Amino acid sequence: MTEQQRPSREMVDGAARAPARAMLHAAGFSDNRLAKPLVAVVHSYSNVTPCNMHLRDLAAHAMRGIEEAGGTAIEFNTIVVTDGIAMGTRGMRASLMSREVIADSAELAVRGHSLDAVCFLVGCDKTIPAAAMAAARLDLPSVILYGGSIMPGRLGDQALTIQDVFEAVGAYSAGTIDQQRLDAVTNHACPGAGACGGQFTANTMALAMSFLGFSPMGLNDIPAVHPDKPRAAYEAGRFAVEALRNGRTARSLITATSLRNAAVAGTATAGSTNLILHLLAIAREAGVPQSEFSIDLFDDVSRATPVIADLKPGGRYMAPDMSAAGGTRLLGRRLMEAGLIADAPTVTGRSLYELFEGARETEGQDVIVTADSPVKDRGGFGICYGNLAPEGCVVKLAGHGKLRFEGPAKVFDGEEASFDALTAGEIRPGDVMVIRGEGPVGGPGMREMLSVTAALQGRGLGDSVALITDGRFSGATYGFMVGHIAPEAARGGPIARLRTGDRIVIDVERRVVETDADLARRPAPSWAPSRESSGAFAKYAALVGSASHGAVTVPGLD
């Protein structure tokens, strides 16, 4: 990007811009600093969440990196909604829509102040994809740094994550643990700063950012409290200035190839099904045609990609263990050697393949294996269709070996009703729980069903009960789960006409989710999802598209 092409020139140059310069002088920006590239440092600091509570400190290091590389750093916050806190409440409806608001706020602040490049520091499930979505809209040089994983909690010799707390709630309701044990797990699971430590949504999306080329290789691997994390933030700031000087903009990184690479990496780690929703959203924001990148690609990827990282929730290890074993570089090298990913540019100016050359493997590690001797032969999810999901749905395969499930439906309108029935002992082995009215419009907000899925595990029903929903799942979920049913109930999807007792078949080999009930002959359901008449929820429900397209608020997409 040339000097004349920098957006900030419009904001600060010339006599007519004297009022802007006057206000910037008051904020501490001299004329000398205003003459340099103006680089936004966008972070999601909040003291309500361990995922993001350290980002303001990291931002100071990123700003120093920008200044020492010859830029001028301009810092601002976005909001954050913390899934682990909101989960199981009506507040969880705000989670997915916060992705859009975070992207909107970052876009507006950068455009409104005519900034030249962006360094994002983000720490949790929605802030990471939101950063990529904002970058796609802005098409400026952009670096995304993940704040890092939390370290495992410890209770005796047991390593804990937040997943263990959710499952302990189910065990407590089943009477298999007492209040003292529940309190002990609660008080030891989260020892400090960082995002949830398994290959849940945050770590899955952080991995995706490395394979999309937004995150300098290896920096996202570093745990939140590791002494090297400030250096990572400093380097992210420097890379933002370097990308500006070399004209490497966001849309040059977001291609069908890089998106597929990110999908392969997430699949190879049995990552969160939210990867599908978020990569589709990023693709739509970047203008990648659906003919080049659609929900069906994830099924092709899952069939062709073995799981080569043994990570929770379905495996044994946590994100810091993967970092210690060799991290993203080693994973990428293994995928490259197996011919599963293609070379692509990155924000650093070096290609993915070049960056994988520096991979180092810790002797004796068994966290990351080879494609020849995988943890599982196939990826952790599949895309299914059928008379319950004409536009598709996502089946989660991590953590179980089943390929088929058939049973009677137990239908619930909303998460709360299903959780109450489960804790009351009304769900039996062989049942298929159906939770509807939780889609992007119906919620509104497409809540994650972690409270229910974790309670199933805690009550010992994880292997004997299936669940389908037009909502979605936390990355911490495992078991026989089908989500993202489209069309959703609120849009007249077939799931709205299901009744308790209908037989449901989930056949992973055939990629089918169906019922033998004659849904077309049934009248439209008398129930209706709650409707918001004002505020952000109403605005979102009016704008949001189908989960099969990423649940974005891009006009005219559906």
Protein backbone atom coordinates (compact mmCIF):
# COMPACT_ATOMS: atom_id res chain seq x y z
CA MET A 1 0.00 0.00 0.00
CA THR A 2 1.50 3.33 -1.05
CA GLU A 3 1.58 6.42 1.12
CA GLN A 4 -1.20 7.99 -0.95
CA GLN A 5 -3.37 4.87 -0.70
CA ARG A 6 -3.41 4.80 3.08
CA PRO A 7 -6.94 5.61 4.37
CA SER A 8 -5.54 7.72 7.21
CA ARG A 9 -4.31 10.36 4.76
CA GLU A 10 -7.93 11.34 4.19
CA MET A 11 -8.43 11.82 7.91
CA VAL A 12 -5.36 13.89 8.85
CA ASP A 13 -3.86 15.60 5.78
CA GLY A 14 -4.53 19.15 4.66
CA ALA A 15 -5.93 22.34 6.10
CA ALA A 16 -9.51 21.09 6.06
CA ARG A 17 -8.53 18.31 8.46
CA ALA A 18 -7.23 20.67 11.14
CA PRO A 19 -10.22 19.99 13.46
CA ALA A 20 -9.48 16.26 13.34
CA ARG A 21 -5.82 16.88 14.08
CA ALA A 22 -6.76 19.15 16.98
CA MET A 23 -8.77 16.38 18.61
CA LEU A 24 -6.06 13.83 17.94
CA HIS A 25 -3.46 16.15 19.50
CA ALA A 26 -5.64 16.27 22.62
CA ALA A 27 -5.57 12.47 22.70
CA GLY A 28 -1.76 12.51 22.65
CA PHE A 29 -1.03 12.04 18.95
CA SER A 30 1.60 14.44 17.61
CA ASP A 31 1.88 15.44 13.96
CA ASN A 32 4.91 13.18 13.69
CA ARG A 33 2.92 10.18 14.92
CA LEU A 34 -0.03 11.03 12.67
CA ALA A 35 2.26 10.99 9.64
CA LYS A 36 2.96 7.29 10.24
CA PRO A 37 0.65 4.39 9.34
CA LEU A 38 -2.24 4.30 11.80
CA VAL A 39 -2.79 0.74 12.98
CA ALA A 40 -5.84 -0.27 14.99
CA VAL A 41 -5.32 -2.54 17.98
CA VAL A 42 -8.73 -4.12 18.49
CA HIS A 43 -9.20 -6.31 21.54
CA SER A 44 -12.03 -7.89 23.49
CA TYR A 45 -10.82 -7.22 27.03
CA SER A 46 -13.37 -7.80 29.77
CA ASN A 47 -12.93 -8.61 33.44
CA VAL A 48 -15.95 -10.95 33.42
CA THR A 49 -14.18 -13.68 31.49
CA PRO A 50 -10.89 -15.56 31.86
CA CYS A 51 -10.78 -15.90 28.07
CA ASN A 52 -10.32 -12.16 27.58
CA MET A 53 -9.27 -10.68 30.90
CA HIS A 54 -5.57 -10.51 29.96
CA LEU A 55 -5.99 -8.96 26.53
CA ARG A 56 -5.58 -5.35 27.62
CA ASP A 57 -2.13 -6.24 28.95
CA LEU A 58 -1.26 -8.06 25.72
CA ALA A 59 -2.51 -5.07 23.74
CA ALA A 60 0.20 -2.92 25.31
CA HIS A 61 2.83 -5.27 23.87
CA ALA A 62 1.15 -5.29 20.45
CA MET A 63 1.12 -1.49 20.49
CA ARG A 64 4.82 -1.40 21.30
CA GLY A 65 5.47 -3.75 18.38
CA ILE A 66 3.54 -1.43 16.07
CA GLU A 67 5.34 1.70 17.28
CA GLU A 68 8.80 0.13 17.04
CA ALA A 69 8.01 -1.09 13.51
CA GLY A 70 7.24 2.48 12.44
CA GLY A 71 3.49 2.68 12.91
CA THR A 72 1.19 4.48 15.31
CA ALA A 73 -1.10 2.30 17.41
CA ILE A 74 -4.72 3.26 18.04
CA GLU A 75 -6.47 1.06 20.61
CA PHE A 76 -10.13 0.26 21.14
CA ASN A 77 -12.35 -2.42 22.65
CA THR A 78 -15.17 -4.56 21.36
CA ILE A 79 -17.80 -6.28 23.47
CA VAL A 80 -17.70 -9.94 24.46
CA VAL A 81 -20.32 -12.48 25.53
CA THR A 82 -18.85 -15.41 27.44
CA ASP A 83 -20.41 -18.72 26.47
CA GLY A 84 -19.24 -20.60 29.55
CA ILE A 85 -21.06 -18.10 31.76
CA ALA A 86 -24.17 -17.60 29.63
CA MET A 87 -24.61 -21.30 28.76
CA GLY A 88 -27.98 -22.74 29.72
CA THR A 89 -29.61 -19.34 30.27
CA ARG A 90 -31.62 -17.02 28.04
CA GLY A 91 -28.48 -14.89 27.95
CA MET A 92 -26.90 -17.49 25.68
CA ARG A 93 -29.09 -16.13 22.90
CA ALA A 94 -26.71 -13.17 22.81
CA SER A 95 -23.67 -15.32 22.06
CA LEU A 96 -23.86 -15.92 18.31
CA MET A 97 -25.34 -12.51 17.61
CA SER A 98 -22.38 -11.00 19.48
CA ARG A 99 -20.23 -12.34 16.64
CA GLU A 100 -22.03 -9.96 14.27
CA VAL A 101 -21.91 -7.05 16.72
CA ILE A 102 -18.18 -7.53 17.35
CA ALA A 103 -17.51 -7.61 13.61
CA ASP A 104 -19.77 -4.59 13.11
CA SER A 105 -18.13 -2.57 15.87
CA ALA A 106 -14.60 -3.30 14.68
CA GLU A 107 -15.55 -2.46 11.11
CA LEU A 108 -17.24 0.79 12.10
CA ALA A 109 -14.45 2.02 14.37
CA VAL A 110 -11.77 1.30 11.76
CA ARG A 111 -13.76 2.82 8.90
CA GLY A 112 -14.92 5.74 11.02
CA HIS A 113 -11.35 6.73 11.84
CA SER A 114 -9.84 5.85 8.44
CA LEU A 115 -7.24 3.51 9.89
CA ASP A 116 -4.69 1.72 7.74
CA ALA A 117 -4.30 -1.78 9.21
CA VAL A 118 -5.62 -3.86 12.09
CA CYS A 119 -4.11 -6.05 14.78
CA PHE A 120 -6.86 -8.05 16.50
CA LEU A 121 -6.33 -9.59 19.95
CA VAL A 122 -9.20 -11.95 20.69
CA GLY A 123 -9.78 -14.68 23.21
CA CYS A 124 -12.94 -16.75 22.84
CA ASP A 125 -15.49 -18.51 20.69
CA LYS A 126 -17.15 -15.58 18.88
CA THR A 127 -14.44 -12.93 19.06
CA ILE A 128 -12.07 -14.98 16.88
CA PRO A 129 -14.39 -15.51 13.89
CA ALA A 130 -15.74 -11.98 14.34
CA ALA A 131 -12.23 -10.62 13.88
CA ALA A 132 -11.86 -12.53 10.61
CA MET A 133 -15.28 -11.36 9.44
CA ALA A 134 -14.40 -7.74 10.18
CA ALA A 135 -11.07 -8.18 8.42
CA ALA A 136 -12.86 -9.58 5.38
CA ARG A 137 -15.18 -6.59 5.22
CA LEU A 138 -12.39 -4.04 5.66
CA ASP A 139 -9.90 -5.78 3.35
CA LEU A 140 -7.02 -4.06 5.11
CA PRO A 141 -3.73 -5.65 6.21
CA SER A 142 -4.85 -7.62 9.26
CA VAL A 143 -3.27 -9.85 11.90
CA ILE A 144 -5.29 -11.93 14.35
CA LEU A 145 -3.70 -13.09 17.61
CA TYR A 146 -5.50 -15.50 19.91
CA GLY A 147 -5.11 -14.73 23.60
CA GLY A 148 -4.28 -18.36 24.29
CA SER A 149 -5.63 -21.38 26.09
CA ILE A 150 -6.15 -21.62 29.82
CA MET A 151 -3.95 -24.12 31.64
CA PRO A 152 -5.61 -27.28 32.94
CA GLY A 153 -7.20 -27.14 36.34
CA ARG A 154 -6.05 -29.72 38.88
CA LEU A 155 -7.97 -31.71 41.45
CA GLY A 156 -5.65 -34.27 42.95
CA ASP A 157 -4.07 -35.95 39.95
CA GLN A 158 -7.02 -35.19 37.64
CA ALA A 159 -6.66 -32.53 34.92
CA LEU A 160 -9.84 -30.47 34.56
CA THR A 161 -11.54 -28.23 32.00
CA ILE A 162 -14.84 -26.38 32.10
CA GLN A 163 -16.32 -29.44 30.38
CA ASP A 164 -15.80 -31.37 33.63
CA VAL A 165 -17.88 -28.82 35.55
CA PHE A 166 -20.81 -29.10 33.15
CA GLU A 167 -20.65 -32.89 33.36
CA ALA A 168 -20.39 -32.72 37.14
CA VAL A 169 -23.74 -30.89 37.17
CA GLY A 170 -25.28 -33.88 35.38
CA ALA A 171 -23.61 -36.31 37.75
CA TYR A 172 -24.85 -34.31 40.75
CA SER A 173 -28.43 -34.30 39.42
CA ALA A 174 -28.16 -38.08 38.93
CA GLY A 175 -26.95 -38.51 42.50
CA THR A 176 -23.60 -40.03 41.54
CA ILE A 177 -21.57 -37.23 43.15
CA ASP A 178 -22.34 -35.04 46.18
CA GLN A 179 -22.30 -31.27 46.67
CA GLN A 180 -18.78 -31.37 48.08
CA ARG A 181 -17.42 -33.02 44.94
CA LEU A 182 -19.34 -30.61 42.68
CA ASP A 183 -17.91 -27.65 44.59
CA ALA A 184 -14.39 -29.07 44.40
CA VAL A 185 -14.58 -29.50 40.61
CA THR A 186 -16.10 -26.02 40.27
CA ASN A 187 -13.38 -24.39 42.34
CA HIS A 188 -10.43 -26.06 40.61
CA ALA A 189 -11.42 -26.25 36.93
CA CYS A 190 -10.36 -22.78 35.79
CA PRO A 191 -7.03 -21.66 37.30
CA GLY A 192 -6.59 -18.32 35.52
CA ALA A 193 -6.54 -16.46 32.22
CA GLY A 194 -7.20 -18.15 28.90
CA ALA A 195 -9.93 -19.81 26.88
CA CYS A 196 -11.36 -23.27 27.55
CA GLY A 197 -8.52 -25.76 27.24
CA GLY A 198 -9.85 -28.58 25.08
CA GLN A 199 -10.23 -28.52 21.31
CA PHE A 200 -13.42 -26.63 21.86
CA THR A 201 -14.57 -23.70 19.72
CA ALA A 202 -11.96 -21.12 20.75
CA ASN A 203 -8.98 -23.40 20.15
CA THR A 204 -10.54 -24.76 16.96
CA MET A 205 -10.99 -21.25 15.58
CA ALA A 206 -7.52 -20.18 16.72
CA LEU A 207 -6.13 -23.10 14.74
CA ALA A 208 -8.25 -22.06 11.76
CA MET A 209 -6.78 -18.54 11.87
CA SER A 210 -3.28 -19.99 11.50
CA PHE A 211 -4.32 -22.03 8.46
CA LEU A 212 -6.21 -19.09 6.95
CA GLY A 213 -2.95 -17.17 7.20
CA PHE A 214 -4.14 -14.44 9.59
CA SER A 215 -2.15 -15.64 12.62
CA PRO A 216 1.65 -15.94 12.45
CA MET A 217 2.41 -19.63 12.79
CA GLY A 218 2.89 -20.81 16.37
CA LEU A 219 1.81 -17.63 18.15
CA ASN A 220 -1.73 -18.86 18.81
CA ASP A 221 -0.35 -22.07 20.34
CA ILE A 222 1.21 -20.22 23.28
CA PRO A 223 -1.01 -20.53 26.38
CA ALA A 224 -2.42 -17.35 27.88
CA VAL A 225 -0.21 -17.27 30.97
CA HIS A 226 2.99 -18.49 29.29
CA PRO A 227 5.88 -16.00 29.62
CA ASP A 228 6.23 -15.99 25.81
CA LYS A 229 2.72 -14.62 25.21
CA PRO A 230 3.72 -10.93 25.52
CA ARG A 231 6.39 -11.54 22.89
CA ALA A 232 3.72 -13.07 20.65
CA ALA A 233 1.62 -9.91 20.99
CA TYR A 234 4.65 -7.76 20.19
CA GLU A 235 5.35 -9.81 17.07
CA ALA A 236 1.70 -9.59 15.99
CA GLY A 237 1.96 -5.81 16.12
CA ARG A 238 5.14 -5.82 14.04
CA PHE A 239 3.59 -8.16 11.47
CA ALA A 240 0.61 -5.80 11.07
CA VAL A 241 2.93 -2.96 10.04
CA GLU A 242 4.94 -5.25 7.79
CA ALA A 243 1.77 -6.51 6.08
CA LEU A 244 0.74 -2.90 5.49
CA ARG A 245 4.04 -2.04 3.86
CA ASN A 246 3.85 -5.11 1.64
CA GLY A 247 0.20 -4.73 0.69
CA ARG A 248 -0.99 -8.06 2.12
CA THR A 249 -4.69 -7.46 2.70
CA ALA A 250 -7.30 -9.70 4.30
CA ARG A 251 -9.09 -10.84 1.16
CA SER A 252 -5.81 -11.92 -0.40
CA LEU A 253 -5.67 -14.51 2.40
CA ILE A 254 -9.33 -15.63 2.46
CA THR A 255 -9.66 -17.92 -0.54
CA ALA A 256 -11.40 -21.20 -1.24
CA THR A 257 -8.00 -22.86 -0.78
CA SER A 258 -7.21 -21.32 2.60
CA LEU A 259 -10.74 -21.92 3.85
CA ARG A 260 -10.45 -25.58 2.90
CA ASN A 261 -7.08 -25.76 4.66
CA ALA A 262 -8.72 -24.39 7.81
CA ALA A 263 -11.52 -26.93 7.49
CA VAL A 264 -9.00 -29.76 7.15
CA ALA A 265 -7.04 -28.60 10.21
CA GLY A 266 -10.18 -28.39 12.33
CA THR A 267 -11.29 -31.80 11.13
CA ALA A 268 -7.89 -33.38 11.82
CA THR A 269 -8.15 -32.24 15.45
CA ALA A 270 -11.80 -33.36 15.88
CA GLY A 271 -12.59 -29.72 16.53
CA SER A 272 -15.84 -27.93 17.21
CA THR A 273 -18.77 -28.11 14.78
CA ASN A 274 -18.93 -24.33 15.16
CA LEU A 275 -15.98 -24.30 12.76
CA ILE A 276 -18.49 -24.99 9.99
CA LEU A 277 -20.75 -22.11 10.94
CA HIS A 278 -17.87 -19.65 11.32
CA LEU A 279 -15.88 -20.56 8.21
CA LEU A 280 -19.05 -20.28 6.13
CA ALA A 281 -19.63 -16.84 7.65
CA ILE A 282 -16.06 -15.72 6.93
CA ALA A 283 -16.36 -16.96 3.34
CA ARG A 284 -19.61 -15.08 2.80
CA GLU A 285 -18.16 -11.86 4.25
CA ALA A 286 -15.14 -12.19 1.96
CA GLY A 287 -17.29 -12.74 -1.10
CA VAL A 288 -16.07 -16.28 -1.75
CA PRO A 289 -18.77 -17.83 -3.98
CA GLN A 290 -20.88 -20.62 -2.54
CA SER A 291 -19.96 -22.66 -5.59
CA GLU A 292 -16.37 -22.63 -4.30
CA PHE A 293 -17.01 -23.03 -0.57
CA SER A 294 -20.26 -24.40 0.85
CA ILE A 295 -21.45 -26.60 3.68
CA ASP A 296 -21.04 -29.71 1.51
CA LEU A 297 -17.27 -29.22 1.36
CA PHE A 298 -17.06 -30.05 5.06
CA ASP A 299 -18.49 -33.48 4.40
CA ASP A 300 -15.93 -34.12 1.67
CA VAL A 301 -13.17 -32.95 4.01
CA SER A 302 -14.40 -35.08 6.91
CA ARG A 303 -14.54 -38.23 4.78
CA ALA A 304 -10.99 -37.66 3.50
CA THR A 305 -9.29 -36.38 6.65
CA PRO A 306 -8.22 -38.62 9.54
CA VAL A 307 -8.11 -37.31 13.10
CA ILE A 308 -4.41 -37.02 13.97
CA ALA A 309 -4.56 -35.03 17.22
CA ASP A 310 -5.80 -36.77 20.37
CA LEU A 311 -7.57 -33.83 21.99
CA LYS A 312 -10.52 -33.33 24.32
CA PRO A 313 -13.49 -33.46 24.32
CA GLY A 314 -13.31 -36.82 22.57
CA GLY A 315 -9.62 -37.52 23.24
CA ARG A 316 -7.10 -37.40 26.05
CA TYR A 317 -5.15 -34.15 25.79
CA MET A 318 -5.62 -30.40 26.02
CA ALA A 319 -4.42 -27.49 23.93
CA PRO A 320 -1.30 -26.78 26.04
CA ASP A 321 -0.31 -30.43 25.53
CA MET A 322 -0.54 -30.00 21.77
CA SER A 323 1.57 -26.86 21.99
CA ALA A 324 4.23 -28.72 23.98
CA ALA A 325 4.18 -31.65 21.53
CA GLY A 326 4.99 -29.52 18.49
CA GLY A 327 1.91 -27.40 18.00
CA THR A 328 0.33 -26.07 14.85
CA ARG A 329 3.54 -26.34 12.84
CA LEU A 330 3.83 -30.07 13.50
CA LEU A 331 0.16 -30.65 12.78
CA GLY A 332 0.50 -28.71 9.54
CA ARG A 333 3.59 -30.62 8.49
CA ARG A 334 1.79 -33.92 9.05
CA LEU A 335 -1.16 -32.74 6.95
CA MET A 336 1.18 -31.43 4.26
CA GLU A 337 3.09 -34.71 4.12
CA ALA A 338 -0.21 -36.57 3.73
CA GLY A 339 -1.24 -34.33 0.85
CA LEU A 340 -4.31 -33.09 2.71
CA ILE A 341 -3.68 -29.35 2.50
CA ALA A 342 -2.47 -26.99 -0.21
CA ASP A 343 0.14 -24.27 -0.02
CA ALA A 344 -1.23 -20.76 0.52
CA PRO A 345 0.03 -17.28 1.42
CA THR A 346 0.09 -15.95 4.98
CA VAL A 347 0.19 -12.53 6.57
CA THR A 348 3.90 -13.03 7.34
CA GLY A 349 4.85 -13.07 3.65
CA ARG A 350 5.93 -16.71 3.87
CA SER A 351 3.75 -19.54 2.60
CA LEU A 352 2.18 -22.21 4.78
CA TYR A 353 4.54 -24.86 3.47
CA GLU A 354 7.56 -22.69 4.28
CA LEU A 355 6.31 -22.19 7.82
CA PHE A 356 5.77 -25.91 8.34
CA GLU A 357 9.43 -26.54 7.56
CA GLY A 358 10.30 -25.19 11.00
CA ALA A 359 8.22 -27.79 12.83
CA ARG A 360 9.84 -29.46 15.82
CA GLU A 361 8.49 -32.57 17.48
CA THR A 362 8.96 -33.30 21.16
CA GLU A 363 10.47 -36.74 21.53
CA GLY A 364 8.03 -39.36 22.73
CA GLN A 365 4.91 -37.22 22.32
CA ASP A 366 1.69 -38.95 21.30
CA VAL A 367 -0.63 -35.96 21.06
CA ILE A 368 -0.09 -35.45 17.30
CA VAL A 369 0.24 -38.66 15.31
CA THR A 370 0.62 -39.39 11.60
CA ALA A 371 -2.07 -39.82 8.96
CA ASP A 372 -0.87 -43.40 8.51
CA SER A 373 -1.60 -44.23 12.16
CA PRO A 374 -4.44 -41.86 13.05
CA VAL A 375 -6.51 -41.51 16.18
CA LYS A 376 -9.54 -42.04 13.93
CA ASP A 377 -9.74 -42.86 10.25
CA ARG A 378 -12.25 -40.12 9.52
CA GLY A 379 -13.01 -36.62 10.72
CA GLY A 380 -15.16 -35.57 13.62
CA PHE A 381 -18.30 -34.44 11.81
CA GLY A 382 -20.48 -35.07 8.78
CA ILE A 383 -23.05 -33.16 6.77
CA CYS A 384 -26.39 -34.94 6.56
CA TYR A 385 -29.63 -34.33 4.69
CA GLY A 386 -33.04 -36.00 4.74
CA ASN A 387 -36.67 -35.16 5.33
CA LEU A 388 -35.78 -33.52 8.66
CA ALA A 389 -33.00 -31.38 7.18
CA PRO A 390 -33.61 -30.52 3.50
CA GLU A 391 -30.94 -27.78 3.66
CA GLY A 392 -28.53 -29.90 5.67
CA CYS A 393 -27.38 -30.41 9.24
CA VAL A 394 -24.18 -31.25 11.09
CA VAL A 395 -23.63 -34.53 12.92
CA LYS A 396 -20.88 -34.60 15.51
CA LEU A 397 -18.84 -37.80 15.45
CA ALA A 398 -16.23 -37.02 18.10
CA GLY A 399 -16.22 -39.10 21.25
CA HIS A 400 -18.23 -42.10 20.04
CA GLY A 401 -18.00 -44.85 17.46
CA LYS A 402 -21.64 -45.08 16.40
CA LEU A 403 -22.63 -44.72 12.76
CA ARG A 404 -26.37 -45.28 13.17
CA PHE A 405 -29.00 -44.46 15.75
CA GLU A 406 -32.72 -45.13 15.63
CA GLY A 407 -35.24 -44.34 18.31
CA PRO A 408 -38.42 -42.54 19.35
CA ALA A 409 -38.43 -38.76 19.46
CA LYS A 410 -38.85 -36.85 22.70
CA VAL A 411 -39.73 -33.38 21.42
CA PHE A 412 -39.06 -30.18 23.36
CA ASP A 413 -39.71 -26.58 22.46
CA GLY A 414 -36.58 -24.92 23.79
CA GLU A 415 -33.53 -25.93 25.80
CA GLU A 416 -35.02 -25.33 29.23
CA ALA A 417 -37.84 -27.84 28.76
CA SER A 418 -35.39 -30.50 27.61
CA PHE A 419 -33.02 -29.90 30.52
CA ASP A 420 -35.88 -30.11 33.02
CA ALA A 421 -37.06 -33.40 31.52
CA LEU A 422 -33.55 -34.81 31.56
CA THR A 423 -32.85 -33.91 35.18
CA ALA A 424 -36.28 -35.27 36.15
CA GLY A 425 -35.29 -38.67 34.75
CA GLU A 426 -37.73 -38.62 31.83
CA ILE A 427 -35.13 -39.47 29.18
CA ARG A 428 -34.42 -43.17 28.65
CA PRO A 429 -31.73 -45.08 26.76
CA GLY A 430 -32.69 -45.29 23.08
CA ASP A 431 -34.49 -41.94 23.01
CA VAL A 432 -33.78 -39.22 20.47
CA MET A 433 -34.09 -35.85 22.16
CA VAL A 434 -35.38 -33.15 19.79
CA ILE A 435 -34.81 -29.54 20.81
CA ARG A 436 -36.41 -27.07 18.42
CA GLY A 437 -37.08 -23.36 18.34
CA GLU A 438 -33.39 -22.72 19.02
CA GLY A 439 -32.24 -21.74 15.51
CA PRO A 440 -30.82 -18.37 14.46
CA VAL A 441 -34.32 -16.86 14.09
CA GLY A 442 -36.20 -19.03 16.57
CA GLY A 443 -34.01 -18.40 19.59
CA PRO A 444 -33.21 -15.92 18.38
CA GLY A 445 -29.50 -16.57 18.53
CA MET A 446 -28.95 -20.32 18.01
CA ARG A 447 -27.91 -21.26 21.53
CA GLU A 448 -25.48 -24.08 22.26
CA MET A 449 -26.96 -27.09 24.04
CA LEU A 450 -23.99 -27.79 26.33
CA SER A 451 -26.01 -27.86 29.54
CA VAL A 452 -28.13 -30.65 28.07
CA THR A 453 -25.36 -32.60 26.35
CA ALA A 454 -23.10 -32.40 29.39
CA ALA A 455 -25.96 -33.52 31.63
CA LEU A 456 -26.46 -36.53 29.34
CA GLN A 457 -22.82 -37.46 29.87
CA GLY A 458 -23.02 -36.81 33.59
CA ARG A 459 -26.09 -39.04 33.93
CA GLY A 460 -24.42 -41.85 31.99
CA LEU A 461 -26.66 -41.49 28.92
CA GLY A 462 -24.06 -40.14 26.51
CA ASP A 463 -23.74 -43.41 24.59
CA SER A 464 -27.40 -44.39 24.61
CA VAL A 465 -29.30 -41.19 23.78
CA ALA A 466 -29.08 -39.10 20.59
CA LEU A 467 -30.00 -35.43 20.26
CA ILE A 468 -31.06 -33.36 17.27
CA THR A 469 -31.66 -29.61 17.25
CA ASP A 470 -31.92 -26.54 15.09
CA GLY A 471 -29.59 -24.97 17.63
CA ARG A 472 -25.90 -25.73 17.83
CA PHE A 473 -23.34 -27.34 20.12
CA SER A 474 -20.47 -26.19 22.23
CA GLY A 475 -17.05 -27.38 21.19
CA ALA A 476 -17.01 -29.20 24.54
CA THR A 477 -19.91 -31.41 23.44
CA TYR A 478 -19.41 -35.04 22.52
CA GLY A 479 -21.79 -37.90 21.88
CA PHE A 480 -24.30 -38.67 19.11
CA MET A 481 -25.41 -35.12 18.34
CA VAL A 482 -27.01 -33.52 15.28
CA GLY A 483 -27.25 -29.75 15.11
CA HIS A 484 -27.74 -26.83 12.71
CA ILE A 485 -30.92 -28.47 11.34
CA ALA A 486 -32.02 -26.34 8.38
CA PRO A 487 -34.53 -25.02 7.70
CA GLU A 488 -35.06 -24.32 11.38
CA ALA A 489 -38.44 -24.67 13.06
CA ALA A 490 -39.06 -20.92 13.11
CA ARG A 491 -38.75 -20.88 9.31
CA GLY A 492 -41.21 -23.70 8.85
CA GLY A 493 -38.66 -26.50 8.72
CA PRO A 494 -39.88 -30.09 9.02
CA ILE A 495 -38.54 -30.33 12.57
CA ALA A 496 -41.46 -28.07 13.57
CA ARG A 497 -43.93 -30.86 12.71
CA LEU A 498 -42.25 -33.64 14.66
CA ARG A 499 -44.15 -35.17 17.56
CA THR A 500 -43.03 -37.17 20.55
CA GLY A 501 -43.01 -40.84 19.59
CA ASP A 502 -42.08 -40.36 15.92
CA ARG A 503 -39.29 -42.72 14.87
CA ILE A 504 -36.07 -40.97 13.91
CA VAL A 505 -33.14 -42.51 12.05
CA ILE A 506 -29.67 -40.97 12.04
CA ASP A 507 -27.54 -42.86 9.53
CA VAL A 508 -24.03 -41.46 9.29
CA GLU A 509 -22.90 -43.78 6.49
CA ARG A 510 -25.81 -42.68 4.30
CA ARG A 511 -25.55 -39.11 5.63
CA VAL A 512 -29.28 -39.10 6.37
CA VAL A 513 -31.40 -37.75 9.23
CA GLU A 514 -35.02 -38.71 8.67
CA THR A 515 -38.31 -39.84 10.14
CA ASP A 516 -40.93 -42.25 8.83
CA ALA A 517 -43.67 -39.88 9.99
CA ASP A 518 -45.68 -38.24 7.19
CA LEU A 519 -44.80 -34.69 8.19
CA ALA A 520 -46.27 -33.09 5.06
CA ARG A 521 -49.79 -34.23 6.02
CA ARG A 522 -49.61 -32.68 9.44
CA PRO A 523 -50.98 -29.19 10.07
CA ALA A 524 -48.62 -26.37 10.83
CA PRO A 525 -47.67 -26.50 14.51
CA SER A 526 -49.68 -24.42 16.94
CA TRP A 527 -46.62 -23.48 18.93
CA ALA A 528 -44.50 -20.48 18.00
CA PRO A 529 -41.04 -19.45 19.13
CA SER A 530 -40.75 -16.38 21.31
CA ARG A 531 -40.54 -13.20 19.31
CA GLU A 532 -38.62 -10.08 20.28
CA SER A 533 -40.31 -6.83 19.33
CA SER A 534 -37.44 -4.45 19.99
CA GLY A 535 -33.74 -4.21 20.62
CA ALA A 536 -30.80 -6.18 19.29
CA PHE A 537 -32.57 -9.56 19.41
CA ALA A 538 -35.42 -8.32 17.21
CA LYS A 539 -32.99 -6.74 14.77
CA TYR A 540 -30.96 -9.95 14.57
CA ALA A 541 -34.01 -12.20 14.08
CA ALA A 542 -35.14 -9.98 11.20
CA LEU A 543 -31.76 -10.09 9.44
CA VAL A 544 -30.09 -13.42 10.16
CA GLY A 545 -29.86 -16.11 7.50
CA SER A 546 -29.81 -19.90 7.61
CA ALA A 547 -27.24 -21.88 9.54
CA SER A 548 -26.47 -23.65 6.26
CA HIS A 549 -24.94 -20.36 5.06
CA GLY A 550 -23.18 -19.48 8.32
CA ALA A 551 -26.03 -17.61 10.07
CA VAL A 552 -24.78 -14.27 8.80
CA THR A 553 -26.61 -10.97 8.48
CA VAL A 554 -25.51 -10.40 4.89
CA PRO A 555 -28.48 -8.89 2.99
CA GLY A 556 -29.96 -11.00 0.22
CA LEU A 557 -27.93 -14.14 0.93
CA ASP A 558 -30.82 -16.56 1.63
